[in-house]
Amino acid sequence: LPTYAFCLIEEITSESYRVTSEILQLIQEVSNEYLGSHNFHNFTSGKKFTDPSARRHIFSINIADPFIEENVEFTIITIKGQSFMLHQIRKMISLIIAIVRGIASRDTIQQAYNADKIDVPKAPPLGLVLEKLHYDRYDKKFGKDGQHEALTWEQAELDDDDDENGGDE
């Protein structure tokens, strides 16, 4: 995500923007509002507050140190959760941006967990990557029962490394 997305509303947004440590800390603090189990009905479409499937659990959200690519500063936001609904992550990121920029108030995330319908815009999908699937609960329940193997990506990553290094396997 380009860090200029977090530029305060009263500042001029440009690719030369560089995020401050205070803004990075604010991004992390706002992101932490998502941690735990909450009703995310306002972060998808077609779900009502009363729908039990709207309840999701977020384990962690990490904001990486910024890096510069082609003179534009970026950060990576990593979200680990139990499962996600359609548009949920895009709407979560969009609301973080709106709060950090000063467009939405700090309590908007908590309000979005309530029954009232709130229109949360979607962040653009560009740059959104599903990097890795985690099967921790499956592995804990079935991975050591003698009948099932743990679902890991280690062998796939080794195969990928072989391909990149000219391996013929």
N, C-alpha and C. Protein backbone atom coordinates (compact mmCIF):
# COMPACT_ATOMS: atom_id res chain seq x y z
N LEU A 1 0.85 -1.17 0.00
CA LEU A 1 0.00 0.00 0.00
C LEU A 1 0.90 1.23 0.00
N PRO A 2 0.71 2.16 -0.93
CA PRO A 2 1.53 3.37 -0.89
C PRO A 2 1.20 4.18 0.36
N THR A 3 2.23 4.66 1.03
CA THR A 3 1.99 5.37 2.29
C THR A 3 1.28 6.70 2.08
N TYR A 4 1.33 7.25 0.87
CA TYR A 4 0.61 8.51 0.65
C TYR A 4 -0.90 8.33 0.81
N ALA A 5 -1.38 7.10 0.85
CA ALA A 5 -2.80 6.85 1.13
C ALA A 5 -3.18 7.35 2.52
N PHE A 6 -2.18 7.49 3.41
CA PHE A 6 -2.42 7.92 4.79
C PHE A 6 -2.16 9.41 5.00
N CYS A 7 -1.88 10.13 3.93
CA CYS A 7 -1.61 11.57 4.02
C CYS A 7 -2.84 12.28 4.60
N LEU A 8 -2.62 13.14 5.58
CA LEU A 8 -3.73 13.85 6.21
C LEU A 8 -4.54 14.62 5.18
N ILE A 9 -5.83 14.72 5.40
CA ILE A 9 -6.75 15.31 4.44
C ILE A 9 -6.37 16.76 4.09
N GLU A 10 -5.79 17.48 5.05
CA GLU A 10 -5.45 18.89 4.79
C GLU A 10 -4.09 19.05 4.10
N GLU A 11 -3.36 17.95 3.91
CA GLU A 11 -2.07 18.02 3.23
C GLU A 11 -2.23 17.66 1.76
N ILE A 12 -1.27 18.08 0.97
CA ILE A 12 -1.27 17.75 -0.45
C ILE A 12 -0.71 16.33 -0.61
N THR A 13 -1.48 15.49 -1.27
CA THR A 13 -1.06 14.10 -1.48
C THR A 13 -0.19 14.01 -2.72
N SER A 14 0.99 13.41 -2.56
CA SER A 14 1.86 13.20 -3.72
C SER A 14 2.71 11.96 -3.48
N GLU A 15 3.33 11.48 -4.54
CA GLU A 15 4.17 10.29 -4.44
C GLU A 15 5.44 10.55 -3.64
N SER A 16 5.77 11.81 -3.40
CA SER A 16 6.96 12.13 -2.60
C SER A 16 6.66 12.08 -1.09
N TYR A 17 5.41 11.82 -0.73
CA TYR A 17 5.02 11.74 0.68
C TYR A 17 5.82 10.64 1.37
N ARG A 18 6.25 10.93 2.60
CA ARG A 18 6.92 9.94 3.44
C ARG A 18 6.21 9.91 4.78
N VAL A 19 5.81 8.73 5.20
CA VAL A 19 5.05 8.56 6.43
C VAL A 19 5.97 8.78 7.63
N THR A 20 5.43 9.38 8.68
CA THR A 20 6.20 9.60 9.90
C THR A 20 6.02 8.42 10.84
N SER A 21 6.88 8.32 11.83
CA SER A 21 6.75 7.24 12.81
C SER A 21 5.46 7.40 13.61
N GLU A 22 5.03 8.66 13.82
CA GLU A 22 3.77 8.90 14.54
C GLU A 22 2.57 8.37 13.74
N ILE A 23 2.59 8.59 12.44
CA ILE A 23 1.49 8.09 11.60
C ILE A 23 1.51 6.56 11.55
N LEU A 24 2.70 5.97 11.46
CA LEU A 24 2.78 4.50 11.49
C LEU A 24 2.22 3.94 12.79
N GLN A 25 2.52 4.62 13.89
CA GLN A 25 2.00 4.19 15.19
C GLN A 25 0.48 4.32 15.21
N LEU A 26 -0.04 5.41 14.65
CA LEU A 26 -1.49 5.61 14.59
C LEU A 26 -2.14 4.53 13.73
N ILE A 27 -1.53 4.19 12.60
CA ILE A 27 -2.06 3.13 11.73
C ILE A 27 -2.17 1.83 12.52
N GLN A 28 -1.13 1.50 13.30
CA GLN A 28 -1.15 0.27 14.09
C GLN A 28 -2.22 0.33 15.17
N GLU A 29 -2.34 1.48 15.85
CA GLU A 29 -3.35 1.62 16.91
C GLU A 29 -4.76 1.46 16.34
N VAL A 30 -5.02 2.10 15.22
CA VAL A 30 -6.34 2.00 14.58
C VAL A 30 -6.58 0.56 14.14
N SER A 31 -5.58 -0.07 13.55
CA SER A 31 -5.70 -1.46 13.09
C SER A 31 -6.02 -2.41 14.24
N ASN A 32 -5.46 -2.13 15.40
CA ASN A 32 -5.68 -3.00 16.56
C ASN A 32 -7.14 -3.03 17.00
N GLU A 33 -7.95 -2.07 16.56
CA GLU A 33 -9.39 -2.07 16.87
C GLU A 33 -10.09 -3.28 16.24
N TYR A 34 -9.46 -3.89 15.25
CA TYR A 34 -10.05 -5.06 14.58
C TYR A 34 -9.74 -6.37 15.30
N LEU A 35 -8.77 -6.36 16.20
CA LEU A 35 -8.35 -7.61 16.84
C LEU A 35 -9.47 -8.21 17.69
N GLY A 36 -9.54 -9.54 17.67
CA GLY A 36 -10.56 -10.24 18.45
C GLY A 36 -11.74 -10.64 17.60
N SER A 37 -12.81 -11.07 18.25
CA SER A 37 -14.03 -11.51 17.57
C SER A 37 -15.02 -10.36 17.52
N HIS A 38 -15.51 -10.08 16.31
CA HIS A 38 -16.46 -8.98 16.12
C HIS A 38 -17.46 -9.36 15.03
N ASN A 39 -18.55 -8.60 15.00
CA ASN A 39 -19.55 -8.75 13.95
C ASN A 39 -19.15 -7.83 12.79
N PHE A 40 -18.73 -8.41 11.67
CA PHE A 40 -18.24 -7.64 10.52
C PHE A 40 -19.30 -7.48 9.44
N HIS A 41 -20.58 -7.44 9.81
CA HIS A 41 -21.66 -7.33 8.82
C HIS A 41 -21.53 -6.08 7.96
N ASN A 42 -20.95 -5.01 8.49
CA ASN A 42 -20.77 -3.78 7.71
C ASN A 42 -19.54 -3.82 6.80
N PHE A 43 -18.80 -4.90 6.84
CA PHE A 43 -17.58 -5.01 6.05
C PHE A 43 -17.73 -6.00 4.89
N THR A 44 -18.96 -6.35 4.57
CA THR A 44 -19.25 -7.23 3.44
C THR A 44 -20.60 -6.80 2.87
N SER A 45 -21.10 -7.54 1.91
CA SER A 45 -22.43 -7.22 1.38
C SER A 45 -23.35 -8.42 1.58
N GLY A 46 -24.61 -8.12 1.82
CA GLY A 46 -25.61 -9.18 1.93
C GLY A 46 -25.69 -9.88 3.27
N LYS A 47 -24.99 -9.39 4.28
CA LYS A 47 -25.06 -9.99 5.61
C LYS A 47 -25.77 -9.04 6.55
N LYS A 48 -26.64 -9.60 7.35
CA LYS A 48 -27.33 -8.81 8.37
C LYS A 48 -26.60 -8.96 9.70
N PHE A 49 -26.85 -8.03 10.59
CA PHE A 49 -26.24 -8.06 11.91
C PHE A 49 -26.57 -9.35 12.64
N THR A 50 -27.78 -9.86 12.40
CA THR A 50 -28.25 -11.07 13.09
C THR A 50 -27.68 -12.37 12.51
N ASP A 51 -26.99 -12.28 11.39
CA ASP A 51 -26.42 -13.46 10.75
C ASP A 51 -25.17 -13.91 11.52
N PRO A 52 -25.20 -15.10 12.11
CA PRO A 52 -24.04 -15.57 12.89
C PRO A 52 -22.76 -15.66 12.07
N SER A 53 -22.89 -15.85 10.75
CA SER A 53 -21.69 -15.99 9.92
C SER A 53 -20.96 -14.66 9.70
N ALA A 54 -21.55 -13.56 10.16
CA ALA A 54 -20.88 -12.26 10.06
C ALA A 54 -19.83 -12.08 11.15
N ARG A 55 -19.85 -12.96 12.12
CA ARG A 55 -18.87 -12.88 13.22
C ARG A 55 -17.56 -13.53 12.78
N ARG A 56 -16.49 -12.76 12.85
CA ARG A 56 -15.17 -13.23 12.44
C ARG A 56 -14.14 -12.89 13.51
N HIS A 57 -13.03 -13.62 13.49
CA HIS A 57 -11.98 -13.41 14.48
C HIS A 57 -10.69 -12.99 13.78
N ILE A 58 -10.13 -11.87 14.22
CA ILE A 58 -8.85 -11.37 13.70
C ILE A 58 -7.79 -11.65 14.76
N PHE A 59 -6.77 -12.40 14.37
CA PHE A 59 -5.69 -12.77 15.30
C PHE A 59 -4.62 -11.69 15.40
N SER A 60 -4.22 -11.15 14.25
CA SER A 60 -3.14 -10.16 14.27
C SER A 60 -3.21 -9.26 13.05
N ILE A 61 -2.72 -8.04 13.23
CA ILE A 61 -2.53 -7.09 12.13
C ILE A 61 -1.18 -6.43 12.36
N ASN A 62 -0.33 -6.51 11.36
CA ASN A 62 1.00 -5.93 11.49
C ASN A 62 1.26 -4.94 10.36
N ILE A 63 1.84 -3.82 10.72
CA ILE A 63 2.21 -2.79 9.76
C ILE A 63 3.73 -2.86 9.60
N ALA A 64 4.20 -3.16 8.40
CA ALA A 64 5.64 -3.31 8.16
C ALA A 64 6.31 -1.94 8.05
N ASP A 65 7.60 -1.92 8.30
CA ASP A 65 8.37 -0.70 8.09
C ASP A 65 8.28 -0.31 6.62
N PRO A 66 8.18 0.99 6.35
CA PRO A 66 8.06 1.44 4.96
C PRO A 66 9.32 1.11 4.15
N PHE A 67 9.12 0.97 2.85
CA PHE A 67 10.23 0.78 1.92
C PHE A 67 9.92 1.59 0.66
N ILE A 68 10.95 1.91 -0.08
CA ILE A 68 10.77 2.75 -1.28
C ILE A 68 11.02 1.90 -2.52
N GLU A 69 10.10 2.00 -3.45
CA GLU A 69 10.18 1.31 -4.73
C GLU A 69 9.86 2.33 -5.81
N GLU A 70 10.81 2.56 -6.72
CA GLU A 70 10.64 3.54 -7.80
C GLU A 70 10.19 4.90 -7.26
N ASN A 71 10.83 5.32 -6.19
CA ASN A 71 10.63 6.63 -5.56
C ASN A 71 9.27 6.81 -4.88
N VAL A 72 8.53 5.73 -4.70
CA VAL A 72 7.26 5.78 -3.97
C VAL A 72 7.43 4.92 -2.71
N GLU A 73 6.98 5.47 -1.58
CA GLU A 73 7.08 4.74 -0.32
C GLU A 73 5.85 3.84 -0.14
N PHE A 74 6.10 2.61 0.30
CA PHE A 74 5.05 1.63 0.53
C PHE A 74 5.18 1.04 1.92
N THR A 75 4.09 0.49 2.41
CA THR A 75 4.11 -0.36 3.60
C THR A 75 3.27 -1.58 3.30
N ILE A 76 3.52 -2.62 4.04
CA ILE A 76 2.74 -3.85 3.88
C ILE A 76 1.94 -4.06 5.16
N ILE A 77 0.65 -4.26 5.00
CA ILE A 77 -0.23 -4.56 6.13
C ILE A 77 -0.60 -6.03 6.04
N THR A 78 -0.24 -6.78 7.08
CA THR A 78 -0.51 -8.22 7.11
C THR A 78 -1.60 -8.50 8.12
N ILE A 79 -2.66 -9.15 7.66
CA ILE A 79 -3.80 -9.47 8.52
C ILE A 79 -3.93 -10.98 8.59
N LYS A 80 -3.99 -11.50 9.80
CA LYS A 80 -4.22 -12.94 10.00
C LYS A 80 -5.53 -13.10 10.76
N GLY A 81 -6.45 -13.84 10.14
CA GLY A 81 -7.76 -14.05 10.75
C GLY A 81 -8.23 -15.47 10.54
N GLN A 82 -9.32 -15.79 11.22
CA GLN A 82 -9.88 -17.14 11.12
C GLN A 82 -10.40 -17.40 9.71
N SER A 83 -11.11 -16.45 9.16
CA SER A 83 -11.60 -16.50 7.78
C SER A 83 -12.12 -15.12 7.44
N PHE A 84 -12.27 -14.86 6.15
CA PHE A 84 -12.69 -13.53 5.72
C PHE A 84 -13.88 -13.63 4.78
N MET A 85 -14.69 -12.57 4.77
CA MET A 85 -15.85 -12.50 3.89
C MET A 85 -15.52 -11.63 2.68
N LEU A 86 -16.41 -11.66 1.69
CA LEU A 86 -16.25 -10.86 0.48
C LEU A 86 -16.06 -9.39 0.84
N HIS A 87 -15.02 -8.78 0.34
CA HIS A 87 -14.68 -7.36 0.51
C HIS A 87 -14.26 -6.98 1.93
N GLN A 88 -14.22 -7.91 2.86
CA GLN A 88 -13.94 -7.56 4.25
C GLN A 88 -12.59 -6.85 4.41
N ILE A 89 -11.54 -7.40 3.85
CA ILE A 89 -10.22 -6.80 4.03
C ILE A 89 -10.16 -5.45 3.33
N ARG A 90 -10.71 -5.33 2.14
CA ARG A 90 -10.71 -4.04 1.43
C ARG A 90 -11.43 -2.98 2.24
N LYS A 91 -12.53 -3.34 2.88
CA LYS A 91 -13.27 -2.37 3.69
C LYS A 91 -12.53 -2.06 4.99
N MET A 92 -11.88 -3.05 5.57
CA MET A 92 -11.09 -2.80 6.78
C MET A 92 -9.97 -1.81 6.49
N ILE A 93 -9.25 -2.02 5.39
CA ILE A 93 -8.15 -1.13 5.02
C ILE A 93 -8.68 0.27 4.71
N SER A 94 -9.78 0.34 3.99
CA SER A 94 -10.38 1.63 3.65
C SER A 94 -10.73 2.44 4.89
N LEU A 95 -11.27 1.78 5.89
CA LEU A 95 -11.66 2.48 7.11
C LEU A 95 -10.42 2.92 7.90
N ILE A 96 -9.37 2.11 7.91
CA ILE A 96 -8.12 2.53 8.54
C ILE A 96 -7.62 3.81 7.87
N ILE A 97 -7.59 3.82 6.54
CA ILE A 97 -7.14 4.99 5.80
C ILE A 97 -7.99 6.21 6.14
N ALA A 98 -9.31 6.06 6.14
CA ALA A 98 -10.21 7.18 6.43
C ALA A 98 -9.98 7.75 7.82
N ILE A 99 -9.74 6.89 8.79
CA ILE A 99 -9.51 7.35 10.17
C ILE A 99 -8.17 8.06 10.28
N VAL A 100 -7.12 7.47 9.73
CA VAL A 100 -5.79 8.07 9.81
C VAL A 100 -5.75 9.41 9.08
N ARG A 101 -6.44 9.52 7.95
CA ARG A 101 -6.46 10.78 7.19
C ARG A 101 -7.32 11.85 7.86
N GLY A 102 -8.16 11.46 8.82
CA GLY A 102 -9.02 12.42 9.49
C GLY A 102 -10.39 12.57 8.85
N ILE A 103 -10.75 11.65 7.97
CA ILE A 103 -12.05 11.69 7.29
C ILE A 103 -13.13 11.05 8.15
N ALA A 104 -12.77 10.04 8.90
CA ALA A 104 -13.70 9.34 9.81
C ALA A 104 -13.15 9.44 11.23
N SER A 105 -14.04 9.33 12.21
CA SER A 105 -13.62 9.44 13.61
C SER A 105 -13.06 8.11 14.11
N ARG A 106 -12.29 8.18 15.18
CA ARG A 106 -11.64 6.99 15.74
C ARG A 106 -12.64 5.93 16.19
N ASP A 107 -13.86 6.32 16.54
CA ASP A 107 -14.83 5.34 17.04
C ASP A 107 -15.66 4.68 15.92
N THR A 108 -15.36 4.98 14.67
CA THR A 108 -16.15 4.44 13.56
C THR A 108 -16.05 2.92 13.48
N ILE A 109 -14.88 2.36 13.76
CA ILE A 109 -14.74 0.89 13.70
C ILE A 109 -15.66 0.24 14.73
N GLN A 110 -15.64 0.76 15.96
CA GLN A 110 -16.51 0.20 17.00
C GLN A 110 -17.98 0.36 16.62
N GLN A 111 -18.35 1.50 16.02
CA GLN A 111 -19.73 1.71 15.58
C GLN A 111 -20.12 0.71 14.50
N ALA A 112 -19.16 0.35 13.64
CA ALA A 112 -19.45 -0.57 12.54
C ALA A 112 -19.77 -1.98 13.03
N TYR A 113 -19.36 -2.32 14.24
CA TYR A 113 -19.67 -3.64 14.81
C TYR A 113 -21.10 -3.71 15.33
N ASN A 114 -21.77 -2.57 15.48
CA ASN A 114 -23.13 -2.52 16.00
C ASN A 114 -24.15 -2.84 14.90
N ALA A 115 -25.42 -2.90 15.29
CA ALA A 115 -26.49 -3.31 14.37
C ALA A 115 -26.75 -2.30 13.26
N ASP A 116 -26.50 -1.01 13.52
CA ASP A 116 -26.77 0.00 12.50
C ASP A 116 -25.93 -0.24 11.25
N LYS A 117 -26.56 0.01 10.09
CA LYS A 117 -25.86 -0.15 8.82
C LYS A 117 -24.99 1.08 8.57
N ILE A 118 -23.72 0.85 8.30
CA ILE A 118 -22.77 1.92 7.97
C ILE A 118 -22.19 1.61 6.61
N ASP A 119 -22.14 2.60 5.73
CA ASP A 119 -21.57 2.40 4.41
C ASP A 119 -20.05 2.57 4.49
N VAL A 120 -19.34 1.46 4.44
CA VAL A 120 -17.88 1.48 4.47
C VAL A 120 -17.40 1.27 3.04
N PRO A 121 -16.68 2.25 2.48
CA PRO A 121 -16.20 2.07 1.10
C PRO A 121 -15.11 1.00 1.02
N LYS A 122 -14.90 0.48 -0.19
CA LYS A 122 -13.86 -0.53 -0.41
C LYS A 122 -12.59 0.15 -0.90
N ALA A 123 -11.45 -0.27 -0.36
CA ALA A 123 -10.17 0.16 -0.91
C ALA A 123 -9.98 -0.56 -2.25
N PRO A 124 -9.23 0.04 -3.16
CA PRO A 124 -8.99 -0.64 -4.44
C PRO A 124 -8.30 -1.99 -4.24
N PRO A 125 -8.59 -2.96 -5.10
CA PRO A 125 -7.99 -4.29 -4.93
C PRO A 125 -6.52 -4.35 -5.35
N LEU A 126 -6.05 -3.36 -6.10
CA LEU A 126 -4.67 -3.37 -6.58
C LEU A 126 -3.70 -3.46 -5.41
N GLY A 127 -2.84 -4.43 -5.44
CA GLY A 127 -1.86 -4.62 -4.38
C GLY A 127 -2.31 -5.56 -3.29
N LEU A 128 -3.58 -5.95 -3.30
CA LEU A 128 -4.09 -6.88 -2.30
C LEU A 128 -3.69 -8.30 -2.72
N VAL A 129 -2.97 -8.98 -1.84
CA VAL A 129 -2.43 -10.29 -2.18
C VAL A 129 -2.75 -11.27 -1.06
N LEU A 130 -3.28 -12.43 -1.43
CA LEU A 130 -3.41 -13.53 -0.48
C LEU A 130 -2.09 -14.27 -0.53
N GLU A 131 -1.25 -14.01 0.46
CA GLU A 131 0.10 -14.55 0.42
C GLU A 131 0.19 -15.99 0.89
N LYS A 132 -0.55 -16.31 1.94
CA LYS A 132 -0.40 -17.64 2.51
C LYS A 132 -1.68 -18.04 3.24
N LEU A 133 -2.07 -19.29 3.06
CA LEU A 133 -3.19 -19.84 3.81
C LEU A 133 -2.63 -20.55 5.03
N HIS A 134 -3.29 -20.37 6.15
CA HIS A 134 -2.87 -21.02 7.39
C HIS A 134 -3.95 -22.02 7.80
N TYR A 135 -3.53 -23.22 8.11
CA TYR A 135 -4.45 -24.27 8.53
C TYR A 135 -4.13 -24.71 9.95
N ASP A 136 -3.83 -23.77 10.81
CA ASP A 136 -3.41 -24.07 12.18
C ASP A 136 -4.42 -24.93 12.93
N ARG A 137 -5.70 -24.57 12.86
CA ARG A 137 -6.72 -25.32 13.61
C ARG A 137 -6.88 -26.73 13.05
N TYR A 138 -6.86 -26.86 11.73
CA TYR A 138 -6.94 -28.18 11.10
C TYR A 138 -5.75 -29.03 11.53
N ASP A 139 -4.55 -28.44 11.44
CA ASP A 139 -3.34 -29.19 11.79
C ASP A 139 -3.37 -29.63 13.25
N LYS A 140 -3.86 -28.77 14.11
CA LYS A 140 -3.92 -29.11 15.53
C LYS A 140 -4.91 -30.25 15.76
N LYS A 141 -6.04 -30.21 15.05
CA LYS A 141 -7.09 -31.21 15.25
C LYS A 141 -6.79 -32.53 14.54
N PHE A 142 -6.31 -32.45 13.29
CA PHE A 142 -6.16 -33.67 12.49
C PHE A 142 -4.72 -34.02 12.12
N GLY A 143 -3.83 -33.07 12.15
CA GLY A 143 -2.48 -33.26 11.63
C GLY A 143 -1.65 -34.32 12.32
N LYS A 144 -2.02 -34.69 13.52
CA LYS A 144 -1.23 -35.68 14.27
C LYS A 144 -2.07 -36.90 14.66
N ASP A 145 -3.15 -37.14 13.92
CA ASP A 145 -4.03 -38.26 14.30
C ASP A 145 -3.62 -39.58 13.66
N GLY A 146 -2.56 -39.56 12.85
CA GLY A 146 -2.10 -40.78 12.21
C GLY A 146 -2.78 -41.09 10.89
N GLN A 147 -3.88 -40.41 10.59
CA GLN A 147 -4.60 -40.64 9.34
C GLN A 147 -4.45 -39.47 8.37
N HIS A 148 -4.22 -38.29 8.89
CA HIS A 148 -4.13 -37.09 8.06
C HIS A 148 -2.75 -36.47 8.20
N GLU A 149 -2.33 -35.81 7.15
CA GLU A 149 -1.08 -35.06 7.22
C GLU A 149 -1.40 -33.60 7.48
N ALA A 150 -0.48 -32.92 8.12
CA ALA A 150 -0.64 -31.49 8.34
C ALA A 150 -0.63 -30.78 6.99
N LEU A 151 -1.43 -29.72 6.88
CA LEU A 151 -1.48 -28.93 5.65
C LEU A 151 -0.48 -27.79 5.78
N THR A 152 0.66 -27.96 5.16
CA THR A 152 1.69 -26.92 5.21
C THR A 152 2.13 -26.59 3.79
N TRP A 153 2.83 -25.50 3.67
CA TRP A 153 3.32 -25.05 2.37
C TRP A 153 4.82 -25.29 2.21
N GLU A 154 5.43 -25.97 3.18
CA GLU A 154 6.88 -26.13 3.16
C GLU A 154 7.36 -26.84 1.89
N GLN A 155 6.71 -27.92 1.48
CA GLN A 155 7.15 -28.64 0.29
C GLN A 155 6.94 -27.78 -0.96
N ALA A 156 5.83 -27.07 -1.04
CA ALA A 156 5.58 -26.20 -2.19
C ALA A 156 6.63 -25.10 -2.27
N GLU A 157 7.02 -24.55 -1.10
CA GLU A 157 8.05 -23.51 -1.09
C GLU A 157 9.39 -24.08 -1.53
N LEU A 158 9.72 -25.32 -1.11
CA LEU A 158 10.96 -25.96 -1.54
C LEU A 158 10.94 -26.19 -3.05
N ASP A 159 9.81 -26.65 -3.58
CA ASP A 159 9.68 -26.86 -5.02
C ASP A 159 9.84 -25.55 -5.77
N ASP A 160 9.28 -24.48 -5.23
CA ASP A 160 9.39 -23.14 -5.82
C ASP A 160 10.85 -22.70 -5.86
N ASP A 161 11.57 -22.94 -4.77
CA ASP A 161 12.99 -22.58 -4.71
C ASP A 161 13.78 -23.35 -5.75
N ASP A 162 13.46 -24.63 -5.93
CA ASP A 162 14.15 -25.44 -6.94
C ASP A 162 13.92 -24.86 -8.33
N ASP A 163 12.68 -24.47 -8.62
CA ASP A 163 12.35 -23.89 -9.93
C ASP A 163 13.13 -22.61 -10.17
N GLU A 164 13.21 -21.76 -9.14
CA GLU A 164 13.91 -20.49 -9.28
C GLU A 164 15.42 -20.67 -9.43
N ASN A 165 15.95 -21.77 -8.89
CA ASN A 165 17.39 -22.02 -8.95
C ASN A 165 17.76 -22.96 -10.10
N GLY A 166 16.86 -23.13 -11.04
CA GLY A 166 17.16 -23.95 -12.21
C GLY A 166 17.00 -25.44 -11.99
N GLY A 167 16.32 -25.81 -10.91
CA GLY A 167 16.09 -27.23 -10.63
C GLY A 167 15.16 -27.84 -11.65
N ASP A 168 15.26 -29.13 -11.85
CA ASP A 168 14.41 -29.78 -12.85
C ASP A 168 13.35 -30.67 -12.23
N GLU A 169 13.05 -30.44 -10.99
CA GLU A 169 12.05 -31.27 -10.32
C GLU A 169 10.69 -30.64 -10.38
